Amino acid sequence: FALASLIYGKLRYNSSLSVNLGSESKRIMIFLVLFLIWSMFAHIQNVESFYIWGKGASIPLGFLTGLYLAMKLIDTSKKREIFGLAVLAVNLVFCFDVMFRPNFQILGWNGSLDNGNGVALYSLLTMPFFFCYSFWYFEKYNFVKYFICMTSLLLIFFSFSSGGWSAALFQVLIFMYYALMSKKVSIKALGVFLILFGLLITFFFCSYGKGYISSFKREIDQITSINNSEVLTNSRIYTWKAGIILASDNIIAGNGWATFEESFRNNYKYLNEKVQFRGPEMFVQPHNMYISILYAGGIPALLLFLIAFVLSTKKSWSGLRHDVINSGDIPWHLVCSILMVSMAIYGTNGDIFEARRDVSVIFWACWGLLLAIPDYAELSDKGDNIEDPALC
């Protein structure tokens, strides 16, 4: 709808569709556009039908369209503030509808959150908003800011996803470093918060029965199984090996998006012999973002995506040096850097492109608004009276 509105505005009122980007963001967009072109067309000779090609091509196209809409529509301080508040308000309500539902029974409004892995990704995408808005936007409201943070941590905890826990640990460490450096939180307050969090976890374990305790023990057993790759990765080690084998068939051009499930099914017996795979025959993805891109677009697509991802992460970290994080303004570079790092980690055991129909749009939007923030050096060249739009 947003894209259609922009096109209508162009046709009816001749409004501009272009986006003003800094030199660093332009370089990133060049790699992303090349990634889009290669991953959409290089494998076309390997796809059985135009329908399958179009269905798969819509995945990277939708990703880049999401980035463009964010760059176009969330390009000012005020718009970013409203966007962040909307993400916080809407998802704070959804958190309670998700976390206290035994085994994540069918939600109805969003089937992607009916399992722990989906909930883990959802919590990782919302956590930077919850934490940064709590300590920067609601800094003076102690109950509100700690309530929001507690809700975010409970959501990731009750996902019972060890992969999500690992990525969340990095999110919390990055946030706490800058929160302590900017004196937004004290060691004493942090200690009290952790004690309350432990008491709440104990209360919920006692209230909701053995189901939660068994899920917690399962994840602890998985994390501590260092010498058993099958248990440590929840048998995904076989899926990753199978994904690499299938990707090697067309390692340069790729096999196309949305074809992994059929290819996996057709080659199941071969994969079974090759990697002793004992998983389900109907497997839709390799549970690894990097292997998924390698399978779909080959080595060139993976390299182009990684270059754009690394440059974007570098842009967010560079901006952190200049964000006024000890003020009351939202440090958007911090929000984006936390997301970029955590999605890089999450990508080793999950694929954010698989959630493209729902929660992934939060990440697309943040990546896009990061690119829309002017480079600090270019702002400085224009003079000190120019407002840094990275701040709200």
Protein backbone atom coordinates (compact mmCIF):
# COMPACT_ATOMS: atom_id res chain seq x y z
CA PHE A 1 0.00 0.00 0.00
CA ALA A 2 2.82 2.42 0.89
CA LEU A 3 4.63 1.68 -2.37
CA ALA A 4 1.41 2.11 -4.35
CA SER A 5 0.81 5.46 -2.63
CA LEU A 6 4.29 6.66 -3.59
CA ILE A 7 3.76 5.61 -7.21
CA TYR A 8 0.36 7.34 -7.27
CA GLY A 9 1.97 10.49 -5.88
CA LYS A 10 4.54 10.36 -8.64
CA LEU A 11 1.94 9.90 -11.38
CA ARG A 12 -0.63 12.33 -9.99
CA TYR A 13 1.52 15.06 -8.44
CA ASN A 14 4.94 14.34 -9.94
CA SER A 15 6.42 13.91 -6.46
CA SER A 16 9.96 12.61 -6.28
CA LEU A 17 10.64 8.91 -5.73
CA SER A 18 14.35 9.41 -5.15
CA VAL A 19 16.04 9.15 -1.77
CA ASN A 20 18.87 11.38 -0.58
CA LEU A 21 21.66 9.17 0.70
CA GLY A 22 25.17 9.82 1.93
CA SER A 23 28.17 8.45 0.08
CA GLU A 24 28.55 5.53 2.48
CA SER A 25 24.89 4.55 2.14
CA LYS A 26 25.12 4.83 -1.64
CA ARG A 27 27.96 2.31 -1.68
CA ILE A 28 25.91 -0.05 0.45
CA MET A 29 22.92 0.31 -1.87
CA ILE A 30 25.09 -0.51 -4.89
CA PHE A 31 25.99 -3.86 -3.35
CA LEU A 32 22.37 -4.51 -2.34
CA VAL A 33 21.07 -3.75 -5.83
CA LEU A 34 23.71 -6.03 -7.35
CA PHE A 35 22.68 -8.68 -4.82
CA LEU A 36 19.07 -8.26 -5.91
CA ILE A 37 19.84 -8.48 -9.63
CA TRP A 38 22.12 -11.50 -9.30
CA SER A 39 19.91 -13.47 -6.91
CA MET A 40 16.84 -12.77 -9.06
CA PHE A 41 18.15 -13.54 -12.55
CA ALA A 42 21.41 -15.53 -12.45
CA HIS A 43 19.65 -18.82 -11.69
CA ILE A 44 16.73 -18.38 -14.07
CA GLN A 45 17.93 -21.23 -16.31
CA ASN A 46 17.86 -23.60 -13.31
CA VAL A 47 14.22 -22.95 -12.38
CA GLU A 48 11.46 -25.20 -13.71
CA SER A 49 8.76 -22.60 -14.32
CA PHE A 50 8.14 -18.87 -14.48
CA TYR A 51 5.77 -19.17 -11.52
CA ILE A 52 8.45 -20.70 -9.28
CA TRP A 53 10.95 -18.08 -10.43
CA GLY A 54 8.54 -15.24 -9.71
CA LYS A 55 7.62 -16.65 -6.32
CA GLY A 56 11.27 -16.89 -5.34
CA ALA A 57 12.33 -13.59 -6.89
CA SER A 58 9.77 -11.79 -4.74
CA ILE A 59 11.87 -12.59 -1.64
CA PRO A 60 14.92 -10.38 -2.35
CA LEU A 61 12.67 -7.89 -4.16
CA GLY A 62 10.45 -7.55 -1.10
CA PHE A 63 13.51 -7.14 1.10
CA LEU A 64 14.93 -4.29 -0.98
CA THR A 65 11.49 -2.71 -1.37
CA GLY A 66 11.19 -2.67 2.43
CA LEU A 67 14.53 -0.89 2.70
CA TYR A 68 13.49 1.66 0.09
CA LEU A 69 10.18 2.42 1.81
CA ALA A 70 11.97 2.92 5.13
CA MET A 71 14.54 5.23 3.54
CA LYS A 72 11.75 7.20 1.88
CA LEU A 73 9.14 7.31 4.65
CA ILE A 74 11.23 7.24 7.88
CA ASP A 75 13.78 9.84 6.90
CA THR A 76 13.46 12.50 9.63
CA SER A 77 13.93 12.67 13.38
CA LYS A 78 10.22 13.03 14.08
CA LYS A 79 9.27 10.15 11.81
CA ARG A 80 11.83 7.90 13.48
CA GLU A 81 10.48 8.83 16.90
CA ILE A 82 6.92 7.98 15.87
CA PHE A 83 8.05 4.75 14.21
CA GLY A 84 9.90 3.63 17.33
CA LEU A 85 6.97 4.46 19.61
CA ALA A 86 4.61 2.53 17.34
CA VAL A 87 6.89 -0.53 17.39
CA LEU A 88 7.12 -0.29 21.18
CA ALA A 89 3.40 0.23 21.87
CA VAL A 90 2.04 -2.42 19.50
CA ASN A 91 4.55 -5.13 20.35
CA LEU A 92 4.42 -4.54 24.09
CA VAL A 93 0.80 -5.70 23.97
CA PHE A 94 1.62 -8.69 21.75
CA CYS A 95 4.39 -9.79 24.11
CA PHE A 96 1.93 -10.76 26.82
CA ASP A 97 -0.28 -12.58 24.34
CA VAL A 98 2.70 -14.70 23.32
CA MET A 99 4.86 -15.47 26.35
CA PHE A 100 2.22 -16.85 28.73
CA ARG A 101 0.74 -19.31 26.25
CA PRO A 102 1.85 -22.89 27.01
CA ASN A 103 3.89 -24.29 24.11
CA PHE A 104 2.84 -21.23 22.07
CA GLN A 105 -0.56 -22.62 21.13
CA ILE A 106 -2.07 -21.24 17.94
CA LEU A 107 -2.37 -17.46 18.19
CA GLY A 108 -4.65 -16.99 15.21
CA TRP A 109 -3.39 -13.51 14.36
CA ASN A 110 0.17 -14.62 13.56
CA GLY A 111 1.07 -18.23 12.87
CA SER A 112 4.80 -17.43 12.70
CA LEU A 113 4.83 -17.03 16.49
CA ASP A 114 3.45 -20.49 17.19
CA ASN A 115 6.92 -21.88 17.97
CA GLY A 116 9.89 -20.92 20.09
CA ASN A 117 12.18 -20.09 17.19
CA GLY A 118 9.70 -17.58 15.78
CA VAL A 119 9.20 -16.01 19.20
CA ALA A 120 12.97 -15.77 19.67
CA LEU A 121 13.39 -13.86 16.41
CA TYR A 122 10.45 -11.62 17.31
CA SER A 123 11.96 -10.81 20.70
CA LEU A 124 15.39 -10.09 19.18
CA LEU A 125 13.88 -7.61 16.73
CA THR A 126 11.93 -5.74 19.41
CA MET A 127 14.46 -5.80 22.26
CA PRO A 128 16.62 -2.86 21.05
CA PHE A 129 13.48 -0.70 20.79
CA PHE A 130 12.28 -1.74 24.24
CA PHE A 131 15.64 -1.12 25.91
CA CYS A 132 16.65 2.11 24.18
CA TYR A 133 13.25 3.74 24.49
CA SER A 134 13.06 2.68 28.15
CA PHE A 135 16.30 4.38 29.18
CA TRP A 136 16.29 7.31 26.78
CA TYR A 137 12.64 8.17 26.08
CA PHE A 138 11.15 7.07 29.43
CA GLU A 139 14.25 7.87 31.46
CA LYS A 140 12.35 9.76 34.18
CA TYR A 141 9.69 7.07 34.64
CA ASN A 142 11.45 4.34 36.62
CA PHE A 143 8.54 1.90 36.80
CA VAL A 144 7.77 2.22 33.09
CA LYS A 145 11.34 1.74 31.87
CA TYR A 146 12.06 -1.29 34.06
CA PHE A 147 8.66 -2.81 33.31
CA ILE A 148 9.32 -2.57 29.56
CA CYS A 149 12.80 -4.09 29.89
CA MET A 150 11.50 -6.87 32.12
CA THR A 151 8.83 -7.70 29.56
CA SER A 152 11.40 -7.89 26.79
CA LEU A 153 13.68 -10.21 28.75
CA LEU A 154 10.80 -12.46 29.79
CA LEU A 155 9.75 -12.81 26.16
CA ILE A 156 13.17 -14.00 25.00
CA PHE A 157 13.52 -16.26 28.04
CA PHE A 158 10.17 -17.97 27.50
CA SER A 159 10.96 -18.57 23.83
CA PHE A 160 13.15 -21.41 25.15
CA SER A 161 15.40 -21.06 22.14
CA SER A 162 19.11 -21.39 22.93
CA GLY A 163 20.00 -19.76 19.61
CA GLY A 164 17.83 -16.79 20.50
CA TRP A 165 19.36 -16.65 23.97
CA SER A 166 22.87 -16.46 22.47
CA ALA A 167 21.98 -13.54 20.20
CA ALA A 168 20.08 -11.83 23.04
CA LEU A 169 23.16 -12.07 25.27
CA PHE A 170 25.14 -10.01 22.75
CA GLN A 171 22.27 -7.52 22.52
CA VAL A 172 22.20 -7.04 26.27
CA LEU A 173 26.00 -6.74 26.56
CA ILE A 174 26.20 -4.08 23.84
CA PHE A 175 23.30 -2.15 25.35
CA MET A 176 24.61 -2.36 28.92
CA TYR A 177 28.03 -1.10 27.87
CA TYR A 178 26.60 2.09 26.38
CA ALA A 179 23.95 2.47 29.09
CA LEU A 180 26.63 2.31 31.78
CA MET A 181 28.98 4.58 29.84
CA SER A 182 26.25 7.19 29.47
CA LYS A 183 25.16 6.72 33.11
CA LYS A 184 21.64 5.72 32.12
CA VAL A 185 21.83 2.83 34.57
CA SER A 186 23.93 2.14 37.65
CA ILE A 187 25.52 -1.08 38.87
CA LYS A 188 23.21 -1.04 41.90
CA ALA A 189 20.08 -0.67 39.77
CA LEU A 190 21.30 -3.44 37.49
CA GLY A 191 21.78 -5.77 40.45
CA VAL A 192 18.30 -5.08 41.81
CA PHE A 193 16.82 -5.61 38.35
CA LEU A 194 18.53 -9.00 37.95
CA ILE A 195 17.29 -10.13 41.37
CA LEU A 196 13.72 -9.17 40.46
CA PHE A 197 14.08 -10.94 37.12
CA GLY A 198 15.23 -14.12 38.88
CA LEU A 199 12.33 -13.94 41.33
CA LEU A 200 9.83 -13.51 38.48
CA ILE A 201 11.28 -16.49 36.61
CA THR A 202 10.98 -18.59 39.77
CA PHE A 203 7.39 -17.46 40.27
CA PHE A 204 6.40 -18.34 36.71
CA PHE A 205 8.08 -21.73 36.92
CA CYS A 206 6.11 -22.50 40.07
CA SER A 207 2.86 -21.16 38.62
CA TYR A 208 2.90 -22.73 35.15
CA GLY A 209 4.02 -26.24 36.06
CA LYS A 210 6.50 -28.76 34.72
CA GLY A 211 6.14 -27.80 31.05
CA TYR A 212 8.27 -24.69 31.41
CA ILE A 213 10.83 -26.44 33.60
CA SER A 214 11.29 -29.29 31.11
CA SER A 215 11.70 -26.79 28.27
CA PHE A 216 14.32 -24.91 30.26
CA LYS A 217 16.23 -28.12 31.05
CA ARG A 218 16.12 -29.12 27.39
CA GLU A 219 17.79 -25.88 26.32
CA ILE A 220 20.40 -26.08 29.08
CA ASP A 221 21.25 -29.64 28.03
CA GLN A 222 21.59 -28.42 24.45
CA ILE A 223 23.86 -25.49 25.36
CA THR A 224 26.14 -27.64 27.52
CA SER A 225 26.53 -30.44 24.94
CA ILE A 226 29.76 -29.00 23.56
CA ASN A 227 31.12 -32.37 22.47
CA ASN A 228 27.93 -33.47 20.73
CA SER A 229 27.26 -31.37 17.62
CA GLU A 230 23.94 -33.09 16.97
CA VAL A 231 22.52 -32.13 20.37
CA LEU A 232 24.26 -28.74 20.46
CA THR A 233 22.70 -27.69 17.15
CA ASN A 234 19.40 -29.53 17.71
CA SER A 235 20.26 -31.76 14.71
CA ARG A 236 20.66 -28.72 12.46
CA ILE A 237 24.24 -29.71 11.72
CA TYR A 238 22.81 -32.26 9.28
CA THR A 239 20.52 -29.68 7.71
CA TRP A 240 23.45 -27.29 7.21
CA LYS A 241 25.52 -30.02 5.57
CA ALA A 242 22.59 -30.93 3.33
CA GLY A 243 22.12 -27.27 2.39
CA ILE A 244 25.77 -26.90 1.41
CA ILE A 245 25.62 -30.08 -0.69
CA LEU A 246 22.51 -28.85 -2.52
CA ALA A 247 24.08 -25.41 -3.00
CA SER A 248 27.17 -26.97 -4.59
CA ASP A 249 25.07 -28.14 -7.57
CA ASN A 250 24.95 -24.53 -8.83
CA ILE A 251 27.51 -22.79 -6.65
CA ILE A 252 27.85 -19.72 -8.91
CA ALA A 253 24.40 -19.04 -10.36
CA GLY A 254 22.45 -20.52 -7.47
CA ASN A 255 19.34 -22.69 -7.45
CA GLY A 256 16.74 -19.98 -6.91
CA TRP A 257 14.70 -18.84 -3.96
CA ALA A 258 11.75 -20.89 -2.68
CA THR A 259 13.07 -24.12 -4.28
CA PHE A 260 14.90 -25.62 -1.31
CA GLU A 261 11.99 -27.72 -0.05
CA GLU A 262 11.42 -29.46 -3.38
CA SER A 263 15.14 -29.98 -3.95
CA PHE A 264 15.52 -31.39 -0.46
CA ARG A 265 12.64 -33.80 -1.00
CA ASN A 266 13.88 -34.95 -4.41
CA ASN A 267 17.38 -35.63 -3.08
CA TYR A 268 16.40 -37.01 0.30
CA LYS A 269 17.81 -40.51 -0.23
CA TYR A 270 21.10 -39.12 -1.52
CA LEU A 271 21.37 -36.69 1.40
CA ASN A 272 20.54 -39.48 3.80
CA GLU A 273 23.50 -41.50 2.56
CA LYS A 274 25.83 -38.49 2.30
CA VAL A 275 25.37 -36.94 5.74
CA GLN A 276 23.35 -39.63 7.56
CA PHE A 277 20.44 -37.22 7.66
CA ARG A 278 17.48 -38.48 9.71
CA GLY A 279 15.28 -35.41 9.63
CA PRO A 280 11.84 -34.97 8.08
CA GLU A 281 11.57 -35.30 4.32
CA MET A 282 9.57 -32.06 4.01
CA PHE A 283 12.17 -29.56 5.13
CA VAL A 284 11.61 -26.04 3.83
CA GLN A 285 14.90 -24.32 4.75
CA PRO A 286 18.44 -25.06 5.96
CA HIS A 287 17.96 -22.99 9.15
CA ASN A 288 20.91 -20.77 8.31
CA MET A 289 20.67 -17.40 6.57
CA TYR A 290 24.08 -17.68 4.95
CA ILE A 291 23.51 -21.17 3.56
CA SER A 292 20.06 -20.11 2.34
CA ILE A 293 21.54 -17.23 0.34
CA LEU A 294 24.35 -19.46 -0.93
CA TYR A 295 21.80 -22.02 -2.10
CA ALA A 296 19.52 -19.44 -3.71
CA GLY A 297 22.03 -17.12 -5.39
CA GLY A 298 25.40 -18.83 -5.23
CA ILE A 299 28.70 -17.42 -4.02
CA PRO A 300 28.31 -14.00 -5.75
CA ALA A 301 24.97 -13.33 -4.04
CA LEU A 302 26.35 -14.34 -0.65
CA LEU A 303 29.44 -12.13 -1.05
CA LEU A 304 27.40 -9.11 -2.19
CA PHE A 305 25.00 -9.50 0.73
CA LEU A 306 27.82 -9.93 3.25
CA ILE A 307 29.65 -6.85 1.97
CA ALA A 308 26.49 -4.75 2.29
CA PHE A 309 25.80 -6.21 5.73
CA VAL A 310 29.33 -5.54 7.01
CA LEU A 311 29.38 -1.99 5.61
CA SER A 312 25.99 -1.28 7.22
CA THR A 313 27.21 -2.63 10.56
CA LYS A 314 30.31 -0.45 10.22
CA LYS A 315 28.11 2.60 9.52
CA SER A 316 26.06 1.95 12.66
CA TRP A 317 29.16 1.49 14.82
CA SER A 318 30.80 4.59 13.35
CA GLY A 319 27.71 6.62 14.17
CA LEU A 320 27.85 5.44 17.78
CA ARG A 321 31.01 7.45 18.31
CA HIS A 322 29.10 10.64 17.55
CA ASP A 323 25.63 9.90 18.96
CA VAL A 324 24.91 11.95 22.07
CA ILE A 325 24.03 8.83 24.05
CA ASN A 326 24.08 10.65 27.40
CA SER A 327 21.23 12.93 26.34
CA GLY A 328 17.52 12.19 26.25
CA ASP A 329 17.56 11.57 22.50
CA ILE A 330 17.07 8.10 21.06
CA PRO A 331 20.46 6.78 19.85
CA TRP A 332 19.35 5.23 16.57
CA HIS A 333 22.85 4.10 15.72
CA LEU A 334 22.79 2.02 18.90
CA VAL A 335 19.41 0.50 18.00
CA CYS A 336 20.63 -0.39 14.52
CA SER A 337 24.05 -1.68 15.58
CA ILE A 338 22.47 -4.00 18.14
CA LEU A 339 20.11 -5.33 15.47
CA MET A 340 22.85 -5.79 12.87
CA VAL A 341 25.12 -7.70 15.25
CA SER A 342 22.33 -9.88 16.65
CA MET A 343 20.96 -10.75 13.19
CA ALA A 344 24.45 -11.76 12.09
CA ILE A 345 24.58 -14.15 15.04
CA TYR A 346 21.00 -15.33 14.62
CA GLY A 347 21.74 -16.04 10.96
CA THR A 348 24.01 -18.93 11.95
CA ASN A 349 21.03 -20.95 13.19
CA GLY A 350 18.04 -19.23 11.60
CA ASP A 351 16.99 -17.27 8.54
CA ILE A 352 15.32 -13.90 8.85
CA PHE A 353 14.16 -14.14 5.23
CA GLU A 354 11.85 -16.98 6.30
CA ALA A 355 9.92 -14.47 8.43
CA ARG A 356 9.63 -12.01 5.55
CA ARG A 357 5.82 -12.00 5.65
CA ASP A 358 5.62 -10.63 9.18
CA VAL A 359 8.26 -9.78 11.80
CA SER A 360 11.22 -9.34 9.42
CA VAL A 361 9.80 -6.02 8.27
CA ILE A 362 11.02 -4.55 11.57
CA PHE A 363 14.59 -5.35 10.55
CA TRP A 364 14.07 -4.14 6.96
CA ALA A 365 12.76 -0.84 8.34
CA CYS A 366 15.69 -0.38 10.73
CA TRP A 367 18.22 -1.20 8.03
CA GLY A 368 16.54 1.30 5.72
CA LEU A 369 16.38 4.12 8.26
CA LEU A 370 20.05 3.47 9.10
CA LEU A 371 20.94 4.09 5.46
CA ALA A 372 18.76 7.22 5.46
CA ILE A 373 20.72 8.76 8.35
CA PRO A 374 23.36 11.07 6.82
CA ASP A 375 27.00 10.27 7.40
CA TYR A 376 28.42 12.23 10.32
CA ALA A 377 31.34 13.58 8.27
CA GLU A 378 28.98 14.98 5.66
CA LEU A 379 26.84 16.61 8.34
CA SER A 380 29.93 18.22 9.87
CA ASP A 381 30.94 19.66 6.51
CA LYS A 382 27.60 21.47 6.32
CA GLY A 383 28.15 23.28 9.59
CA ASP A 384 27.33 22.91 13.26
CA ASN A 385 23.83 24.32 12.84
CA ILE A 386 22.66 21.24 10.96
CA GLU A 387 20.58 18.91 13.12
CA ASP A 388 21.85 15.36 13.24
CA PRO A 389 18.79 13.36 12.14
CA ALA A 390 20.14 10.27 13.85
CA LEU A 391 18.84 11.83 17.05
CA CYS A 392 15.21 12.21 17.99
